[in-house]
Amino acid sequence: MTAAFLICAIGLPWMSRIGVHTPYVSHILDPEIIIAIGLAGVLAPTTNLNIRPRQDDRPCRPSADSHFDR
């Protein structure tokens, strides 16, 4: 996931150079693709970690507190 954050970090400064009349395909689409690849590398493992089956007999609750008991 660290590599995915670094990939996002490559695309974000690139997006800061966009002006009012910047062409979409040559200057906007490339950093958007880079950021999308980075976000996919972060969100997919995070989602998988949160909704995976538990190791005990209790049912899995797909939420932010799924690994904590109340």
PDB file of N, CA and C in Angstrom:
ATOM      1  N   MET A   1       0.818  -1.186   0.000  1.00  0.00           N
ATOM      2  CA  MET A   1       0.000   0.000   0.000  1.00  0.00           C
ATOM      3  C   MET A   1       0.866   1.256   0.000  1.00  0.00           C
ATOM      4  N   THR A   2       2.050   1.149   0.521  1.00  0.00           N
ATOM      5  CA  THR A   2       2.934   2.314   0.498  1.00  0.00           C
ATOM      6  C   THR A   2       3.279   2.692  -0.934  1.00  0.00           C
ATOM      7  N   ALA A   3       3.514   1.687  -1.757  1.00  0.00           N
ATOM      8  CA  ALA A   3       3.817   1.961  -3.162  1.00  0.00           C
ATOM      9  C   ALA A   3       2.632   2.622  -3.858  1.00  0.00           C
ATOM     10  N   ALA A   4       1.423   2.210  -3.502  1.00  0.00           N
ATOM     11  CA  ALA A   4       0.237   2.811  -4.110  1.00  0.00           C
ATOM     12  C   ALA A   4       0.102   4.277  -3.715  1.00  0.00           C
ATOM     13  N   PHE A   5       0.400   4.596  -2.460  1.00  0.00           N
ATOM     14  CA  PHE A   5       0.378   6.002  -2.048  1.00  0.00           C
ATOM     15  C   PHE A   5       1.436   6.809  -2.790  1.00  0.00           C
ATOM     16  N   LEU A   6       2.588   6.209  -3.022  1.00  0.00           N
ATOM     17  CA  LEU A   6       3.635   6.909  -3.773  1.00  0.00           C
ATOM     18  C   LEU A   6       3.233   7.130  -5.227  1.00  0.00           C
ATOM     19  N   ILE A   7       2.511   6.176  -5.797  1.00  0.00           N
ATOM     20  CA  ILE A   7       2.014   6.352  -7.166  1.00  0.00           C
ATOM     21  C   ILE A   7       1.035   7.519  -7.215  1.00  0.00           C
ATOM     22  N   CYS A   8       0.153   7.607  -6.231  1.00  0.00           N
ATOM     23  CA  CYS A   8      -0.759   8.758  -6.153  1.00  0.00           C
ATOM     24  C   CYS A   8       0.015  10.053  -5.996  1.00  0.00           C
ATOM     25  N   ALA A   9       1.072  10.007  -5.210  1.00  0.00           N
ATOM     26  CA  ALA A   9       1.878  11.206  -4.983  1.00  0.00           C
ATOM     27  C   ALA A   9       2.583  11.673  -6.251  1.00  0.00           C
ATOM     28  N   ILE A  10       2.799  10.792  -7.184  1.00  0.00           N
ATOM     29  CA  ILE A  10       3.375  11.196  -8.475  1.00  0.00           C
ATOM     30  C   ILE A  10       2.349  11.960  -9.306  1.00  0.00           C
ATOM     31  N   GLY A  11       1.099  11.509  -9.271  1.00  0.00           N
ATOM     32  CA  GLY A  11       0.072  12.132 -10.100  1.00  0.00           C
ATOM     33  C   GLY A  11      -0.449  13.458  -9.580  1.00  0.00           C
ATOM     34  N   LEU A  12      -0.439  13.655  -8.271  1.00  0.00           N
ATOM     35  CA  LEU A  12      -1.023  14.876  -7.716  1.00  0.00           C
ATOM     36  C   LEU A  12      -0.267  16.149  -8.086  1.00  0.00           C
ATOM     37  N   PRO A  13       1.062  16.207  -7.983  1.00  0.00           N
ATOM     38  CA  PRO A  13       1.736  17.438  -8.419  1.00  0.00           C
ATOM     39  C   PRO A  13       1.597  17.677  -9.919  1.00  0.00           C
ATOM     40  N   TRP A  14       1.491  16.588 -10.646  1.00  0.00           N
ATOM     41  CA  TRP A  14       1.301  16.700 -12.094  1.00  0.00           C
ATOM     42  C   TRP A  14      -0.037  17.384 -12.396  1.00  0.00           C
ATOM     43  N   MET A  15      -1.064  17.079 -11.599  1.00  0.00           N
ATOM     44  CA  MET A  15      -2.371  17.702 -11.784  1.00  0.00           C
ATOM     45  C   MET A  15      -2.352  19.185 -11.408  1.00  0.00           C
ATOM     46  N   SER A  16      -1.431  19.601 -10.567  1.00  0.00           N
ATOM     47  CA  SER A  16      -1.390  21.001 -10.156  1.00  0.00           C
ATOM     48  C   SER A  16      -0.926  21.924 -11.272  1.00  0.00           C
ATOM     49  N   ARG A  17      -0.412  21.391 -12.339  1.00  0.00           N
ATOM     50  CA  ARG A  17       0.063  22.201 -13.470  1.00  0.00           C
ATOM     51  C   ARG A  17      -1.013  22.454 -14.517  1.00  0.00           C
ATOM     52  N   ILE A  18      -2.230  22.076 -14.226  1.00  0.00           N
ATOM     53  CA  ILE A  18      -3.325  22.239 -15.179  1.00  0.00           C
ATOM     54  C   ILE A  18      -3.777  23.688 -15.194  1.00  0.00           C
ATOM     55  N   GLY A  19      -3.903  24.226 -16.393  1.00  0.00           N
ATOM     56  CA  GLY A  19      -4.383  25.588 -16.554  1.00  0.00           C
ATOM     57  C   GLY A  19      -5.788  25.608 -17.123  1.00  0.00           C
ATOM     58  N   VAL A  20      -6.242  26.790 -17.465  1.00  0.00           N
ATOM     59  CA  VAL A  20      -7.606  26.943 -17.975  1.00  0.00           C
ATOM     60  C   VAL A  20      -7.762  26.312 -19.357  1.00  0.00           C
ATOM     61  N   HIS A  21      -6.783  26.459 -20.196  1.00  0.00           N
ATOM     62  CA  HIS A  21      -6.877  25.966 -21.573  1.00  0.00           C
ATOM     63  C   HIS A  21      -5.985  24.754 -21.808  1.00  0.00           C
ATOM     64  N   THR A  22      -5.791  23.939 -20.801  1.00  0.00           N
ATOM     65  CA  THR A  22      -4.957  22.751 -20.924  1.00  0.00           C
ATOM     66  C   THR A  22      -5.699  21.663 -21.684  1.00  0.00           C
ATOM     67  N   PRO A  23      -5.064  21.058 -22.684  1.00  0.00           N
ATOM     68  CA  PRO A  23      -5.726  19.961 -23.415  1.00  0.00           C
ATOM     69  C   PRO A  23      -5.941  18.741 -22.515  1.00  0.00           C
ATOM     70  N   TYR A  24      -7.086  18.121 -22.672  1.00  0.00           N
ATOM     71  CA  TYR A  24      -7.470  17.025 -21.785  1.00  0.00           C
ATOM     72  C   TYR A  24      -6.597  15.786 -21.979  1.00  0.00           C
ATOM     73  N   VAL A  25      -6.500  15.310 -23.222  1.00  0.00           N
ATOM     74  CA  VAL A  25      -5.833  14.035 -23.468  1.00  0.00           C
ATOM     75  C   VAL A  25      -4.344  14.099 -23.158  1.00  0.00           C
ATOM     76  N   SER A  26      -3.697  15.168 -23.518  1.00  0.00           N
ATOM     77  CA  SER A  26      -2.244  15.207 -23.366  1.00  0.00           C
ATOM     78  C   SER A  26      -1.776  15.626 -21.975  1.00  0.00           C
ATOM     79  N   HIS A  27      -2.593  16.354 -21.196  1.00  0.00           N
ATOM     80  CA  HIS A  27      -2.120  16.862 -19.917  1.00  0.00           C
ATOM     81  C   HIS A  27      -2.971  16.475 -18.712  1.00  0.00           C
ATOM     82  N   ILE A  28      -4.209  16.089 -18.907  1.00  0.00           N
ATOM     83  CA  ILE A  28      -5.085  15.771 -17.773  1.00  0.00           C
ATOM     84  C   ILE A  28      -5.321  14.270 -17.650  1.00  0.00           C
ATOM     85  N   LEU A  29      -5.469  13.579 -18.754  1.00  0.00           N
ATOM     86  CA  LEU A  29      -5.793  12.157 -18.709  1.00  0.00           C
ATOM     87  C   LEU A  29      -4.658  11.321 -18.118  1.00  0.00           C
ATOM     88  N   ASP A  30      -3.425  11.627 -18.450  1.00  0.00           N
ATOM     89  CA  ASP A  30      -2.301  10.846 -17.933  1.00  0.00           C
ATOM     90  C   ASP A  30      -2.197  10.897 -16.404  1.00  0.00           C
ATOM     91  N   PRO A  31      -2.220  12.075 -15.771  1.00  0.00           N
ATOM     92  CA  PRO A  31      -2.165  12.042 -14.297  1.00  0.00           C
ATOM     93  C   PRO A  31      -3.405  11.433 -13.663  1.00  0.00           C
ATOM     94  N   GLU A  32      -4.551  11.538 -14.318  1.00  0.00           N
ATOM     95  CA  GLU A  32      -5.749  10.896 -13.773  1.00  0.00           C
ATOM     96  C   GLU A  32      -5.595   9.382 -13.763  1.00  0.00           C
ATOM     97  N   ILE A  33      -5.002   8.839 -14.800  1.00  0.00           N
ATOM     98  CA  ILE A  33      -4.779   7.392 -14.856  1.00  0.00           C
ATOM     99  C   ILE A  33      -3.786   6.966 -13.780  1.00  0.00           C
ATOM    100  N   ILE A  34      -2.729   7.744 -13.593  1.00  0.00           N
ATOM    101  CA  ILE A  34      -1.736   7.428 -12.562  1.00  0.00           C
ATOM    102  C   ILE A  34      -2.383   7.453 -11.180  1.00  0.00           C
ATOM    103  N   ILE A  35      -3.179   8.470 -10.903  1.00  0.00           N
ATOM    104  CA  ILE A  35      -3.850   8.559  -9.605  1.00  0.00           C
ATOM    105  C   ILE A  35      -4.842   7.418  -9.427  1.00  0.00           C
ATOM    106  N   ALA A  36      -5.561   7.049 -10.480  1.00  0.00           N
ATOM    107  CA  ALA A  36      -6.523   5.945 -10.398  1.00  0.00           C
ATOM    108  C   ALA A  36      -5.829   4.626 -10.095  1.00  0.00           C
ATOM    109  N   ILE A  37      -4.680   4.397 -10.690  1.00  0.00           N
ATOM    110  CA  ILE A  37      -3.924   3.177 -10.405  1.00  0.00           C
ATOM    111  C   ILE A  37      -3.482   3.163  -8.936  1.00  0.00           C
ATOM    112  N   GLY A  38      -3.017   4.298  -8.461  1.00  0.00           N
ATOM    113  CA  GLY A  38      -2.615   4.376  -7.059  1.00  0.00           C
ATOM    114  C   GLY A  38      -3.775   4.169  -6.105  1.00  0.00           C
ATOM    115  N   LEU A  39      -4.912   4.779  -6.395  1.00  0.00           N
ATOM    116  CA  LEU A  39      -6.079   4.609  -5.528  1.00  0.00           C
ATOM    117  C   LEU A  39      -6.593   3.178  -5.542  1.00  0.00           C
ATOM    118  N   ALA A  40      -6.528   2.528  -6.696  1.00  0.00           N
ATOM    119  CA  ALA A  40      -6.936   1.119  -6.752  1.00  0.00           C
ATOM    120  C   ALA A  40      -6.016   0.268  -5.899  1.00  0.00           C
ATOM    121  N   GLY A  41      -4.739   0.611  -5.870  1.00  0.00           N
ATOM    122  CA  GLY A  41      -3.797  -0.130  -5.046  1.00  0.00           C
ATOM    123  C   GLY A  41      -3.987   0.101  -3.566  1.00  0.00           C
ATOM    124  N   VAL A  42      -4.647   1.183  -3.192  1.00  0.00           N
ATOM    125  CA  VAL A  42      -4.930   1.456  -1.778  1.00  0.00           C
ATOM    126  C   VAL A  42      -6.299   0.911  -1.390  1.00  0.00           C
ATOM    127  N   LEU A  43      -7.299   1.176  -2.190  1.00  0.00           N
ATOM    128  CA  LEU A  43      -8.669   0.835  -1.809  1.00  0.00           C
ATOM    129  C   LEU A  43      -8.956  -0.659  -1.865  1.00  0.00           C
ATOM    130  N   ALA A  44      -8.410  -1.361  -2.837  1.00  0.00           N
ATOM    131  CA  ALA A  44      -8.688  -2.796  -2.945  1.00  0.00           C
ATOM    132  C   ALA A  44      -8.174  -3.577  -1.734  1.00  0.00           C
ATOM    133  N   PRO A  45      -6.920  -3.411  -1.311  1.00  0.00           N
ATOM    134  CA  PRO A  45      -6.492  -4.157  -0.122  1.00  0.00           C
ATOM    135  C   PRO A  45      -7.178  -3.702   1.165  1.00  0.00           C
ATOM    136  N   THR A  46      -7.479  -2.420   1.261  1.00  0.00           N
ATOM    137  CA  THR A  46      -8.151  -1.924   2.462  1.00  0.00           C
ATOM    138  C   THR A  46      -9.551  -2.510   2.571  1.00  0.00           C
ATOM    139  N   THR A  47     -10.274  -2.557   1.471  1.00  0.00           N
ATOM    140  CA  THR A  47     -11.615  -3.139   1.475  1.00  0.00           C
ATOM    141  C   THR A  47     -11.552  -4.629   1.774  1.00  0.00           C
ATOM    142  N   ASN A  48     -10.600  -5.317   1.175  1.00  0.00           N
ATOM    143  CA  ASN A  48     -10.446  -6.743   1.420  1.00  0.00           C
ATOM    144  C   ASN A  48     -10.120  -7.017   2.880  1.00  0.00           C
ATOM    145  N   LEU A  49      -9.307  -6.192   3.474  1.00  0.00           N
ATOM    146  CA  LEU A  49      -8.947  -6.364   4.881  1.00  0.00           C
ATOM    147  C   LEU A  49     -10.157  -6.188   5.786  1.00  0.00           C
ATOM    148  N   ASN A  50     -11.029  -5.271   5.442  1.00  0.00           N
ATOM    149  CA  ASN A  50     -12.159  -4.961   6.308  1.00  0.00           C
ATOM    150  C   ASN A  50     -13.301  -5.954   6.182  1.00  0.00           C
ATOM    151  N   ILE A  51     -13.513  -6.539   5.019  1.00  0.00           N
ATOM    152  CA  ILE A  51     -14.672  -7.420   4.859  1.00  0.00           C
ATOM    153  C   ILE A  51     -14.291  -8.893   4.797  1.00  0.00           C
ATOM    154  N   ARG A  52     -13.058  -9.223   5.108  1.00  0.00           N
ATOM    155  CA  ARG A  52     -12.657 -10.629   5.099  1.00  0.00           C
ATOM    156  C   ARG A  52     -13.345 -11.372   6.240  1.00  0.00           C
ATOM    157  N   PRO A  53     -13.480 -12.682   6.113  1.00  0.00           N
ATOM    158  CA  PRO A  53     -14.109 -13.456   7.188  1.00  0.00           C
ATOM    159  C   PRO A  53     -13.267 -13.417   8.459  1.00  0.00           C
ATOM    160  N   ARG A  54     -13.931 -13.453   9.583  1.00  0.00           N
ATOM    161  CA  ARG A  54     -13.239 -13.436  10.866  1.00  0.00           C
ATOM    162  C   ARG A  54     -12.650 -14.810  11.134  1.00  0.00           C
ATOM    163  N   GLN A  55     -11.674 -14.871  12.021  1.00  0.00           N
ATOM    164  CA  GLN A  55     -11.016 -16.128  12.343  1.00  0.00           C
ATOM    165  C   GLN A  55     -11.788 -16.939  13.391  1.00  0.00           C
ATOM    166  N   ASP A  56     -12.738 -16.310  14.065  1.00  0.00           N
ATOM    167  CA  ASP A  56     -13.525 -17.045  15.053  1.00  0.00           C
ATOM    168  C   ASP A  56     -14.925 -17.301  14.502  1.00  0.00           C
ATOM    169  N   ASP A  57     -15.841 -17.722  15.345  1.00  0.00           N
ATOM    170  CA  ASP A  57     -17.175 -18.121  14.887  1.00  0.00           C
ATOM    171  C   ASP A  57     -18.155 -16.968  14.745  1.00  0.00           C
ATOM    172  N   ARG A  58     -17.765 -15.782  15.152  1.00  0.00           N
ATOM    173  CA  ARG A  58     -18.688 -14.660  15.057  1.00  0.00           C
ATOM    174  C   ARG A  58     -18.821 -14.200  13.605  1.00  0.00           C
ATOM    175  N   PRO A  59     -20.009 -13.739  13.218  1.00  0.00           N
ATOM    176  CA  PRO A  59     -20.198 -13.312  11.823  1.00  0.00           C
ATOM    177  C   PRO A  59     -19.429 -12.028  11.517  1.00  0.00           C
ATOM    178  N   CYS A  60     -19.130 -11.864  10.271  1.00  0.00           N
ATOM    179  CA  CYS A  60     -18.402 -10.675   9.825  1.00  0.00           C
ATOM    180  C   CYS A  60     -19.388  -9.533   9.600  1.00  0.00           C
ATOM    181  N   ARG A  61     -19.041  -8.357  10.109  1.00  0.00           N
ATOM    182  CA  ARG A  61     -19.840  -7.159   9.886  1.00  0.00           C
ATOM    183  C   ARG A  61     -19.018  -6.224   9.017  1.00  0.00           C
ATOM    184  N   PRO A  62     -19.390  -6.017   7.756  1.00  0.00           N
ATOM    185  CA  PRO A  62     -18.586  -5.163   6.883  1.00  0.00           C
ATOM    186  C   PRO A  62     -18.768  -3.679   7.214  1.00  0.00           C
ATOM    187  N   SER A  63     -18.061  -3.222   8.205  1.00  0.00           N
ATOM    188  CA  SER A  63     -18.110  -1.823   8.592  1.00  0.00           C
ATOM    189  C   SER A  63     -16.759  -1.435   9.152  1.00  0.00           C
ATOM    190  N   ALA A  64     -16.623  -0.201   9.543  1.00  0.00           N
ATOM    191  CA  ALA A  64     -15.352   0.281  10.039  1.00  0.00           C
ATOM    192  C   ALA A  64     -14.946  -0.359  11.354  1.00  0.00           C
ATOM    193  N   ASP A  65     -15.915  -0.852  12.119  1.00  0.00           N
ATOM    194  CA  ASP A  65     -15.596  -1.458  13.410  1.00  0.00           C
ATOM    195  C   ASP A  65     -15.729  -2.980  13.369  1.00  0.00           C
ATOM    196  N   SER A  66     -15.480  -3.597  12.230  1.00  0.00           N
ATOM    197  CA  SER A  66     -15.750  -5.028  12.089  1.00  0.00           C
ATOM    198  C   SER A  66     -14.815  -5.898  12.914  1.00  0.00           C
ATOM    199  N   HIS A  67     -13.679  -5.397  13.347  1.00  0.00           N
ATOM    200  CA  HIS A  67     -12.752  -6.224  14.120  1.00  0.00           C
ATOM    201  C   HIS A  67     -12.683  -5.808  15.589  1.00  0.00           C
ATOM    202  N   PHE A  68     -13.666  -5.042  16.025  1.00  0.00           N
ATOM    203  CA  PHE A  68     -13.690  -4.608  17.410  1.00  0.00           C
ATOM    204  C   PHE A  68     -15.012  -5.001  18.042  1.00  0.00           C
ATOM    205  N   ASP A  69     -14.948  -5.445  19.277  1.00  0.00           N
ATOM    206  CA  ASP A  69     -16.176  -5.815  19.989  1.00  0.00           C
ATOM    207  C   ASP A  69     -16.685  -4.589  20.744  1.00  0.00           C
ATOM    208  N   ARG A  70     -17.985  -4.522  20.864  1.00  0.00           N
ATOM    209  CA  ARG A  70     -18.598  -3.416  21.600  1.00  0.00           C
ATOM    210  C   ARG A  70     -18.961  -3.856  22.976  1.00  0.00           C
TER     211      ARG A  70
END
